[in-house]
Amino acid sequence: MRVCVLASGSSGNCIYVGAGESHILVDAGISCKEADRRLAEAGIDPEAIQAVCITHEHADHISAIGVMQRKRNVALYANSATIEAINAVGKLAGLKWNVFEAGQAFEIGGLTVEPFSVPHDAYDPVGFCMSDGSSRIGIVTDMGMVTGLVREKLRDCGVIIIESNHDSEMLKASGRPWSLKQRIGGRHGHMSNSQACELLGEIASPALKAVYLAHISSDCNERDKAMQRARSALDSRGCSTVSVEVTYASQATGVMEF
């Protein structure tokens, strides 16, 4: 399998996952033109993208789906509540959808996609696990708290993309309105560095090869801080060979094959 985080942050989210001749995106929250540019820079043909799997309806995850479907007839996958919320946005109404249900796996080419429920302030948000039959990746980029289901789904993944949005003390000290701080730090908001590290400590296993830290806040976190915390959590579990990568809204990561 191959993975490349094309963008991750409050301004846009988009992740490429490939296996053999199967090429899909998880979310498309940057422009189609920018996604194409970053895919091409990563050595991936934008014309090869077959589908976009949507985690939830927030604008930073869906802004390019209309253009992608009209331009290339890319298949769109989401659950019914997310589709209903997207249809309420006039410019995205009328798109063609493939409907899935959380907890029920489906196939896109040679990839098995398993959507599962996560706690976030959206209508019916999901994370995804994807597998080609031998390798497995877990993706949970917007999530306010860790649940038993999330732990179960991520435990045997070779690559995990998880949110490490904010440092709790930096969030408290920020100039953001109190209501926004409450939302971000709440059970349906975004994960802190501490929560991400706790999750890693609980699920780290010999199967794990790489961790990507996603949706890192530009003003309530520091990438070095998030990485050091994650590195310590993994080292304490004897997983010093697991790589830790940070992601960016402004640029793609490298392509990892696993």
C-alpha atoms as a PDB file:
ATOM      1  CA  MET A   1       0.000   0.000   0.000  1.00  0.00           C
ATOM      2  CA  ARG A   2       0.957   3.642  -0.453  1.00  0.00           C
ATOM      3  CA  VAL A   3      -0.067   6.728   1.516  1.00  0.00           C
ATOM      4  CA  CYS A   4       0.530  10.445   1.157  1.00  0.00           C
ATOM      5  CA  VAL A   5      -1.086  13.141   3.290  1.00  0.00           C
ATOM      6  CA  LEU A   6      -1.690  15.839   0.691  1.00  0.00           C
ATOM      7  CA  ALA A   7      -3.057  18.340   3.235  1.00  0.00           C
ATOM      8  CA  SER A   8      -4.086  18.335   6.879  1.00  0.00           C
ATOM      9  CA  GLY A   9      -5.340  21.291   8.880  1.00  0.00           C
ATOM     10  CA  SER A  10      -8.233  23.650   9.405  1.00  0.00           C
ATOM     11  CA  SER A  11      -7.790  25.096   5.902  1.00  0.00           C
ATOM     12  CA  GLY A  12      -8.058  21.760   4.109  1.00  0.00           C
ATOM     13  CA  ASN A  13      -7.710  18.008   4.426  1.00  0.00           C
ATOM     14  CA  CYS A  14      -6.933  15.402   1.786  1.00  0.00           C
ATOM     15  CA  ILE A  15      -5.176  12.016   2.006  1.00  0.00           C
ATOM     16  CA  TYR A  16      -4.129   9.703  -0.823  1.00  0.00           C
ATOM     17  CA  VAL A  17      -4.247   5.917  -0.328  1.00  0.00           C
ATOM     18  CA  GLY A  18      -3.231   3.490  -3.060  1.00  0.00           C
ATOM     19  CA  ALA A  19      -2.753  -0.230  -3.563  1.00  0.00           C
ATOM     20  CA  GLY A  20      -1.903  -1.795  -6.910  1.00  0.00           C
ATOM     21  CA  GLU A  21      -4.164  -0.146  -9.493  1.00  0.00           C
ATOM     22  CA  SER A  22      -6.496   1.295  -6.845  1.00  0.00           C
ATOM     23  CA  HIS A  23      -6.140   5.004  -6.067  1.00  0.00           C
ATOM     24  CA  ILE A  24      -8.472   6.870  -3.710  1.00  0.00           C
ATOM     25  CA  LEU A  25      -8.640  10.011  -1.613  1.00  0.00           C
ATOM     26  CA  VAL A  26      -9.935  10.374   1.908  1.00  0.00           C
ATOM     27  CA  ASP A  27     -11.623  13.789   1.891  1.00  0.00           C
ATOM     28  CA  ALA A  28     -11.015  16.555  -0.639  1.00  0.00           C
ATOM     29  CA  GLY A  29     -10.861  19.812   1.271  1.00  0.00           C
ATOM     30  CA  ILE A  30      -8.329  21.595  -0.937  1.00  0.00           C
ATOM     31  CA  SER A  31      -9.015  22.786  -4.472  1.00  0.00           C
ATOM     32  CA  CYS A  32      -8.977  20.235  -7.255  1.00  0.00           C
ATOM     33  CA  LYS A  33      -6.162  22.165  -8.938  1.00  0.00           C
ATOM     34  CA  GLU A  34      -4.054  22.095  -5.774  1.00  0.00           C
ATOM     35  CA  ALA A  35      -4.787  18.417  -5.140  1.00  0.00           C
ATOM     36  CA  ASP A  36      -3.727  17.651  -8.717  1.00  0.00           C
ATOM     37  CA  ARG A  37      -0.510  19.612  -8.248  1.00  0.00           C
ATOM     38  CA  ARG A  38       0.406  17.851  -5.016  1.00  0.00           C
ATOM     39  CA  LEU A  39      -0.471  14.428  -6.428  1.00  0.00           C
ATOM     40  CA  ALA A  40       1.709  15.063  -9.473  1.00  0.00           C
ATOM     41  CA  GLU A  41       4.588  16.253  -7.295  1.00  0.00           C
ATOM     42  CA  ALA A  42       4.276  12.972  -5.371  1.00  0.00           C
ATOM     43  CA  GLY A  43       4.474  11.000  -8.622  1.00  0.00           C
ATOM     44  CA  ILE A  44       0.770  10.079  -8.633  1.00  0.00           C
ATOM     45  CA  ASP A  45      -1.345  10.639 -11.739  1.00  0.00           C
ATOM     46  CA  PRO A  46      -4.361  12.763 -10.749  1.00  0.00           C
ATOM     47  CA  GLU A  47      -6.355  11.101 -13.535  1.00  0.00           C
ATOM     48  CA  ALA A  48      -5.924   7.756 -11.740  1.00  0.00           C
ATOM     49  CA  ILE A  49      -8.001   8.832  -8.702  1.00  0.00           C
ATOM     50  CA  GLN A  50     -11.115   6.644  -8.702  1.00  0.00           C
ATOM     51  CA  ALA A  51     -12.989   7.748  -5.598  1.00  0.00           C
ATOM     52  CA  VAL A  52     -13.185  10.085  -2.623  1.00  0.00           C
ATOM     53  CA  CYS A  53     -14.310   8.719   0.759  1.00  0.00           C
ATOM     54  CA  ILE A  54     -15.746  11.443   2.989  1.00  0.00           C
ATOM     55  CA  THR A  55     -15.271  11.459   6.763  1.00  0.00           C
ATOM     56  CA  HIS A  56     -17.772  14.261   7.459  1.00  0.00           C
ATOM     57  CA  GLU A  57     -19.394  17.314   5.919  1.00  0.00           C
ATOM     58  CA  HIS A  58     -17.232  20.185   7.197  1.00  0.00           C
ATOM     59  CA  ALA A  59     -15.990  22.474   4.419  1.00  0.00           C
ATOM     60  CA  ASP A  60     -12.305  21.730   4.997  1.00  0.00           C
ATOM     61  CA  HIS A  61     -13.022  18.112   3.996  1.00  0.00           C
ATOM     62  CA  ILE A  62     -15.348  18.468   1.000  1.00  0.00           C
ATOM     63  CA  SER A  63     -14.692  21.717  -0.898  1.00  0.00           C
ATOM     64  CA  ALA A  64     -13.355  20.047  -4.073  1.00  0.00           C
ATOM     65  CA  ILE A  65     -15.734  17.097  -4.438  1.00  0.00           C
ATOM     66  CA  GLY A  66     -18.083  18.822  -6.879  1.00  0.00           C
ATOM     67  CA  VAL A  67     -15.266  19.780  -9.247  1.00  0.00           C
ATOM     68  CA  MET A  68     -13.668  16.351  -8.981  1.00  0.00           C
ATOM     69  CA  GLN A  69     -16.868  14.560  -9.908  1.00  0.00           C
ATOM     70  CA  ARG A  70     -17.763  16.924 -12.754  1.00  0.00           C
ATOM     71  CA  LYS A  71     -14.203  17.021 -14.095  1.00  0.00           C
ATOM     72  CA  ARG A  72     -13.355  13.316 -13.883  1.00  0.00           C
ATOM     73  CA  ASN A  73     -16.517  11.511 -12.780  1.00  0.00           C
ATOM     74  CA  VAL A  74     -14.765  10.526  -9.563  1.00  0.00           C
ATOM     75  CA  ALA A  75     -16.987   8.301  -7.385  1.00  0.00           C
ATOM     76  CA  LEU A  76     -18.044   9.787  -4.058  1.00  0.00           C
ATOM     77  CA  TYR A  77     -18.627   7.703  -0.910  1.00  0.00           C
ATOM     78  CA  ALA A  78     -20.284   8.889   2.308  1.00  0.00           C
ATOM     79  CA  ASN A  79     -22.977   7.858   4.777  1.00  0.00           C
ATOM     80  CA  SER A  80     -26.541   9.093   4.409  1.00  0.00           C
ATOM     81  CA  ALA A  81     -26.408  11.709   7.197  1.00  0.00           C
ATOM     82  CA  THR A  82     -23.244  13.242   5.746  1.00  0.00           C
ATOM     83  CA  ILE A  83     -24.772  13.304   2.261  1.00  0.00           C
ATOM     84  CA  GLU A  84     -27.883  15.008   3.608  1.00  0.00           C
ATOM     85  CA  ALA A  85     -25.733  17.667   5.272  1.00  0.00           C
ATOM     86  CA  ILE A  86     -23.706  18.200   2.082  1.00  0.00           C
ATOM     87  CA  ASN A  87     -26.871  18.475  -0.019  1.00  0.00           C
ATOM     88  CA  ALA A  88     -27.989  21.312   2.244  1.00  0.00           C
ATOM     89  CA  VAL A  89     -25.059  23.307   0.808  1.00  0.00           C
ATOM     90  CA  GLY A  90     -26.604  24.537  -2.439  1.00  0.00           C
ATOM     91  CA  LYS A  91     -23.522  24.429  -4.670  1.00  0.00           C
ATOM     92  CA  LEU A  92     -22.871  20.773  -3.779  1.00  0.00           C
ATOM     93  CA  ALA A  93     -26.438  19.513  -4.103  1.00  0.00           C
ATOM     94  CA  GLY A  94     -27.211  16.958  -6.801  1.00  0.00           C
ATOM     95  CA  LEU A  95     -23.937  15.036  -6.792  1.00  0.00           C
ATOM     96  CA  LYS A  96     -24.010  11.295  -7.391  1.00  0.00           C
ATOM     97  CA  TRP A  97     -23.243   9.271  -4.262  1.00  0.00           C
ATOM     98  CA  ASN A  98     -22.332   5.771  -3.165  1.00  0.00           C
ATOM     99  CA  VAL A  99     -23.823   5.316   0.303  1.00  0.00           C
ATOM    100  CA  PHE A 100     -22.112   3.326   3.053  1.00  0.00           C
ATOM    101  CA  GLU A 101     -22.998   2.615   6.663  1.00  0.00           C
ATOM    102  CA  ALA A 102     -20.568   2.836   9.553  1.00  0.00           C
ATOM    103  CA  GLY A 103     -19.530  -0.663  10.548  1.00  0.00           C
ATOM    104  CA  GLN A 104     -20.073  -2.169   7.095  1.00  0.00           C
ATOM    105  CA  ALA A 105     -17.002  -2.677   4.913  1.00  0.00           C
ATOM    106  CA  PHE A 106     -17.080  -2.101   1.158  1.00  0.00           C
ATOM    107  CA  GLU A 107     -14.690  -2.485  -1.769  1.00  0.00           C
ATOM    108  CA  ILE A 108     -13.103   0.081  -4.055  1.00  0.00           C
ATOM    109  CA  GLY A 109     -10.993  -1.804  -6.567  1.00  0.00           C
ATOM    110  CA  GLY A 110      -8.422  -3.784  -4.596  1.00  0.00           C
ATOM    111  CA  LEU A 111      -9.006  -1.886  -1.355  1.00  0.00           C
ATOM    112  CA  THR A 112     -11.332  -2.895   1.450  1.00  0.00           C
ATOM    113  CA  VAL A 113     -12.690   0.184   3.217  1.00  0.00           C
ATOM    114  CA  GLU A 114     -14.052  -0.061   6.766  1.00  0.00           C
ATOM    115  CA  PRO A 115     -15.847   3.069   8.032  1.00  0.00           C
ATOM    116  CA  PHE A 116     -16.357   3.403  11.789  1.00  0.00           C
ATOM    117  CA  SER A 117     -17.994   6.023  13.978  1.00  0.00           C
ATOM    118  CA  VAL A 118     -15.928   8.686  15.749  1.00  0.00           C
ATOM    119  CA  PRO A 119     -16.975  11.477  18.163  1.00  0.00           C
ATOM    120  CA  HIS A 120     -16.896  14.854  16.410  1.00  0.00           C
ATOM    121  CA  ASP A 121     -19.309  17.750  16.015  1.00  0.00           C
ATOM    122  CA  ALA A 122     -20.711  16.655  12.656  1.00  0.00           C
ATOM    123  CA  TYR A 123     -23.847  14.749  11.651  1.00  0.00           C
ATOM    124  CA  ASP A 124     -22.368  11.230  11.427  1.00  0.00           C
ATOM    125  CA  PRO A 125     -18.553  11.455  11.300  1.00  0.00           C
ATOM    126  CA  VAL A 126     -16.401   8.422  10.579  1.00  0.00           C
ATOM    127  CA  GLY A 127     -12.829   7.258  10.498  1.00  0.00           C
ATOM    128  CA  PHE A 128     -11.582   4.678   8.015  1.00  0.00           C
ATOM    129  CA  CYS A 129      -9.447   1.586   8.011  1.00  0.00           C
ATOM    130  CA  MET A 130      -8.275   0.449   4.591  1.00  0.00           C
ATOM    131  CA  SER A 131      -6.575  -2.768   3.601  1.00  0.00           C
ATOM    132  CA  ASP A 132      -5.274  -4.510   0.496  1.00  0.00           C
ATOM    133  CA  GLY A 133      -5.436  -7.878   2.246  1.00  0.00           C
ATOM    134  CA  SER A 134      -1.931  -7.804   3.678  1.00  0.00           C
ATOM    135  CA  SER A 135      -1.377  -4.210   4.867  1.00  0.00           C
ATOM    136  CA  ARG A 136      -3.719  -1.937   6.805  1.00  0.00           C
ATOM    137  CA  ILE A 137      -3.977   1.814   7.424  1.00  0.00           C
ATOM    138  CA  GLY A 138      -6.141   3.622   9.982  1.00  0.00           C
ATOM    139  CA  ILE A 139      -7.304   7.230   9.533  1.00  0.00           C
ATOM    140  CA  VAL A 140      -8.904   9.343  12.291  1.00  0.00           C
ATOM    141  CA  THR A 141      -8.230  13.023  11.678  1.00  0.00           C
ATOM    142  CA  ASP A 142     -11.077  14.818  13.503  1.00  0.00           C
ATOM    143  CA  MET A 143     -12.066  13.334  16.847  1.00  0.00           C
ATOM    144  CA  GLY A 144     -12.751  14.782  20.276  1.00  0.00           C
ATOM    145  CA  MET A 145     -12.078  11.687  22.361  1.00  0.00           C
ATOM    146  CA  VAL A 146     -10.881   8.109  22.040  1.00  0.00           C
ATOM    147  CA  THR A 147     -13.454   5.324  22.195  1.00  0.00           C
ATOM    148  CA  GLY A 148     -13.121   1.581  22.565  1.00  0.00           C
ATOM    149  CA  LEU A 149     -14.156   1.187  18.930  1.00  0.00           C
ATOM    150  CA  VAL A 150     -11.377   3.483  17.767  1.00  0.00           C
ATOM    151  CA  ARG A 151      -8.802   1.522  19.772  1.00  0.00           C
ATOM    152  CA  GLU A 152     -10.087  -1.748  18.332  1.00  0.00           C
ATOM    153  CA  LYS A 153      -9.939  -0.507  14.734  1.00  0.00           C
ATOM    154  CA  LEU A 154      -6.447   0.992  14.956  1.00  0.00           C
ATOM    155  CA  ARG A 155      -4.759  -1.723  16.982  1.00  0.00           C
ATOM    156  CA  ASP A 156      -3.441  -3.849  14.097  1.00  0.00           C
ATOM    157  CA  CYS A 157      -2.703  -1.109  11.569  1.00  0.00           C
ATOM    158  CA  GLY A 158       0.711  -0.766   9.971  1.00  0.00           C
ATOM    159  CA  VAL A 159       0.213   2.973   9.451  1.00  0.00           C
ATOM    160  CA  ILE A 160      -1.958   5.295  11.532  1.00  0.00           C
ATOM    161  CA  ILE A 161      -2.968   8.868  10.733  1.00  0.00           C
ATOM    162  CA  ILE A 162      -4.304  10.438  13.926  1.00  0.00           C
ATOM    163  CA  GLU A 163      -5.185  13.901  15.059  1.00  0.00           C
ATOM    164  CA  SER A 164      -2.797  15.737  17.383  1.00  0.00           C
ATOM    165  CA  ASN A 165      -4.520  19.085  17.108  1.00  0.00           C
ATOM    166  CA  HIS A 166      -3.492  21.145  20.108  1.00  0.00           C
ATOM    167  CA  ASP A 167      -1.426  21.460  23.233  1.00  0.00           C
ATOM    168  CA  SER A 168      -3.944  21.865  26.056  1.00  0.00           C
ATOM    169  CA  GLU A 169      -2.019  24.635  27.818  1.00  0.00           C
ATOM    170  CA  MET A 170      -1.458  26.544  24.589  1.00  0.00           C
ATOM    171  CA  LEU A 171      -5.156  26.298  23.800  1.00  0.00           C
ATOM    172  CA  LYS A 172      -6.076  27.662  27.231  1.00  0.00           C
ATOM    173  CA  ALA A 173      -3.620  30.545  26.875  1.00  0.00           C
ATOM    174  CA  SER A 174      -4.674  31.417  23.325  1.00  0.00           C
ATOM    175  CA  GLY A 175      -6.736  34.464  22.438  1.00  0.00           C
ATOM    176  CA  ARG A 176      -9.556  32.348  21.050  1.00  0.00           C
ATOM    177  CA  PRO A 177     -13.081  32.917  22.412  1.00  0.00           C
ATOM    178  CA  TRP A 178     -13.947  30.767  25.422  1.00  0.00           C
ATOM    179  CA  SER A 179     -16.770  29.060  23.505  1.00  0.00           C
ATOM    180  CA  LEU A 180     -14.332  27.988  20.791  1.00  0.00           C
ATOM    181  CA  LYS A 181     -11.844  26.700  23.350  1.00  0.00           C
ATOM    182  CA  GLN A 182     -14.642  24.666  24.907  1.00  0.00           C
ATOM    183  CA  ARG A 183     -15.640  23.247  21.521  1.00  0.00           C
ATOM    184  CA  ILE A 184     -12.085  22.302  20.523  1.00  0.00           C
ATOM    185  CA  GLY A 185     -11.282  20.713  23.881  1.00  0.00           C
ATOM    186  CA  GLY A 186     -14.652  19.001  24.236  1.00  0.00           C
ATOM    187  CA  ARG A 187     -15.637  15.376  23.735  1.00  0.00           C
ATOM    188  CA  HIS A 188     -16.776  16.110  20.172  1.00  0.00           C
ATOM    189  CA  GLY A 189     -14.011  18.550  19.265  1.00  0.00           C
ATOM    190  CA  HIS A 190     -10.369  17.833  18.483  1.00  0.00           C
ATOM    191  CA  MET A 191      -7.710  15.646  20.090  1.00  0.00           C
ATOM    192  CA  SER A 192      -4.862  17.120  22.097  1.00  0.00           C
ATOM    193  CA  ASN A 193      -1.243  15.955  22.016  1.00  0.00           C
ATOM    194  CA  SER A 194      -1.838  14.182  25.327  1.00  0.00           C
ATOM    195  CA  GLN A 195      -4.859  12.296  24.000  1.00  0.00           C
ATOM    196  CA  ALA A 196      -2.978  11.273  20.865  1.00  0.00           C
ATOM    197  CA  CYS A 197      -0.050  10.018  22.948  1.00  0.00           C
ATOM    198  CA  GLU A 198      -2.337   8.087  25.272  1.00  0.00           C
ATOM    199  CA  LEU A 199      -3.955   6.410  22.281  1.00  0.00           C
ATOM    200  CA  LEU A 200      -0.584   5.519  20.777  1.00  0.00           C
ATOM    201  CA  GLY A 201       0.536   4.021  24.072  1.00  0.00           C
ATOM    202  CA  GLU A 202      -2.574   1.856  24.183  1.00  0.00           C
ATOM    203  CA  ILE A 203      -2.483   0.518  20.622  1.00  0.00           C
ATOM    204  CA  ALA A 204       1.207   0.383  19.677  1.00  0.00           C
ATOM    205  CA  SER A 205       2.129  -3.097  18.492  1.00  0.00           C
ATOM    206  CA  PRO A 206       4.818  -4.873  16.432  1.00  0.00           C
ATOM    207  CA  ALA A 207       2.589  -4.350  13.364  1.00  0.00           C
ATOM    208  CA  LEU A 208       2.914  -0.558  13.569  1.00  0.00           C
ATOM    209  CA  LYS A 209       5.425   0.988  11.151  1.00  0.00           C
ATOM    210  CA  ALA A 210       4.525   4.681  10.964  1.00  0.00           C
ATOM    211  CA  VAL A 211       2.389   7.347  12.621  1.00  0.00           C
ATOM    212  CA  TYR A 212       1.293  10.588  10.970  1.00  0.00           C
ATOM    213  CA  LEU A 213       0.180  13.407  13.270  1.00  0.00           C
ATOM    214  CA  ALA A 214      -2.675  15.290  11.623  1.00  0.00           C
ATOM    215  CA  HIS A 215      -4.695  18.512  11.888  1.00  0.00           C
ATOM    216  CA  ILE A 216      -1.966  20.271  13.908  1.00  0.00           C
ATOM    217  CA  SER A 217      -3.093  23.729  14.996  1.00  0.00           C
ATOM    218  CA  SER A 218      -0.969  26.616  13.752  1.00  0.00           C
ATOM    219  CA  ASP A 219      -1.453  28.726  16.878  1.00  0.00           C
ATOM    220  CA  CYS A 220      -2.307  26.243  19.645  1.00  0.00           C
ATOM    221  CA  ASN A 221       0.388  23.667  18.990  1.00  0.00           C
ATOM    222  CA  GLU A 222       3.980  23.212  17.841  1.00  0.00           C
ATOM    223  CA  ARG A 223       4.996  20.423  15.491  1.00  0.00           C
ATOM    224  CA  ASP A 224       8.207  19.686  17.389  1.00  0.00           C
ATOM    225  CA  LYS A 225       6.242  19.426  20.621  1.00  0.00           C
ATOM    226  CA  ALA A 226       3.639  17.098  19.097  1.00  0.00           C
ATOM    227  CA  MET A 227       6.326  14.911  17.535  1.00  0.00           C
ATOM    228  CA  GLN A 228       8.416  14.680  20.704  1.00  0.00           C
ATOM    229  CA  ARG A 229       5.394  13.701  22.770  1.00  0.00           C
ATOM    230  CA  ALA A 230       4.406  10.992  20.278  1.00  0.00           C
ATOM    231  CA  ARG A 231       7.986   9.763  20.026  1.00  0.00           C
ATOM    232  CA  SER A 232       8.196   9.390  23.809  1.00  0.00           C
ATOM    233  CA  ALA A 233       4.897   7.524  23.969  1.00  0.00           C
ATOM    234  CA  LEU A 234       6.045   5.035  21.343  1.00  0.00           C
ATOM    235  CA  ASP A 235       9.526   4.616  22.831  1.00  0.00           C
ATOM    236  CA  SER A 236       8.005   3.840  26.225  1.00  0.00           C
ATOM    237  CA  ARG A 237       6.198   0.908  24.582  1.00  0.00           C
ATOM    238  CA  GLY A 238       9.384  -0.388  22.978  1.00  0.00           C
ATOM    239  CA  CYS A 239       8.368   0.908  19.543  1.00  0.00           C
ATOM    240  CA  SER A 240      11.453   2.993  18.806  1.00  0.00           C
ATOM    241  CA  THR A 241      11.552   1.817  15.178  1.00  0.00           C
ATOM    242  CA  VAL A 242       8.126   3.302  14.400  1.00  0.00           C
ATOM    243  CA  SER A 243       8.529   6.493  12.385  1.00  0.00           C
ATOM    244  CA  VAL A 244       6.624   9.660  13.389  1.00  0.00           C
ATOM    245  CA  GLU A 245       5.738  12.228  10.746  1.00  0.00           C
ATOM    246  CA  VAL A 246       3.974  15.565  11.073  1.00  0.00           C
ATOM    247  CA  THR A 247       1.554  16.804   8.416  1.00  0.00           C
ATOM    248  CA  TYR A 248       0.875  20.245   6.970  1.00  0.00           C
ATOM    249  CA  ALA A 249      -1.993  22.169   5.438  1.00  0.00           C
ATOM    250  CA  SER A 250       0.374  23.891   3.007  1.00  0.00           C
ATOM    251  CA  GLN A 251       2.266  20.914   1.592  1.00  0.00           C
ATOM    252  CA  ALA A 252       2.139  17.172   1.115  1.00  0.00           C
ATOM    253  CA  THR A 253       4.180  14.597   2.974  1.00  0.00           C
ATOM    254  CA  GLY A 254       6.328  12.149   1.079  1.00  0.00           C
ATOM    255  CA  VAL A 255       4.771   8.944  -0.240  1.00  0.00           C
ATOM    256  CA  MET A 256       5.210   5.983   2.085  1.00  0.00           C
ATOM    257  CA  GLU A 257       4.994   2.395   0.847  1.00  0.00           C
ATOM    258  CA  PHE A 258       4.273  -0.325   3.379  1.00  0.00           C
END
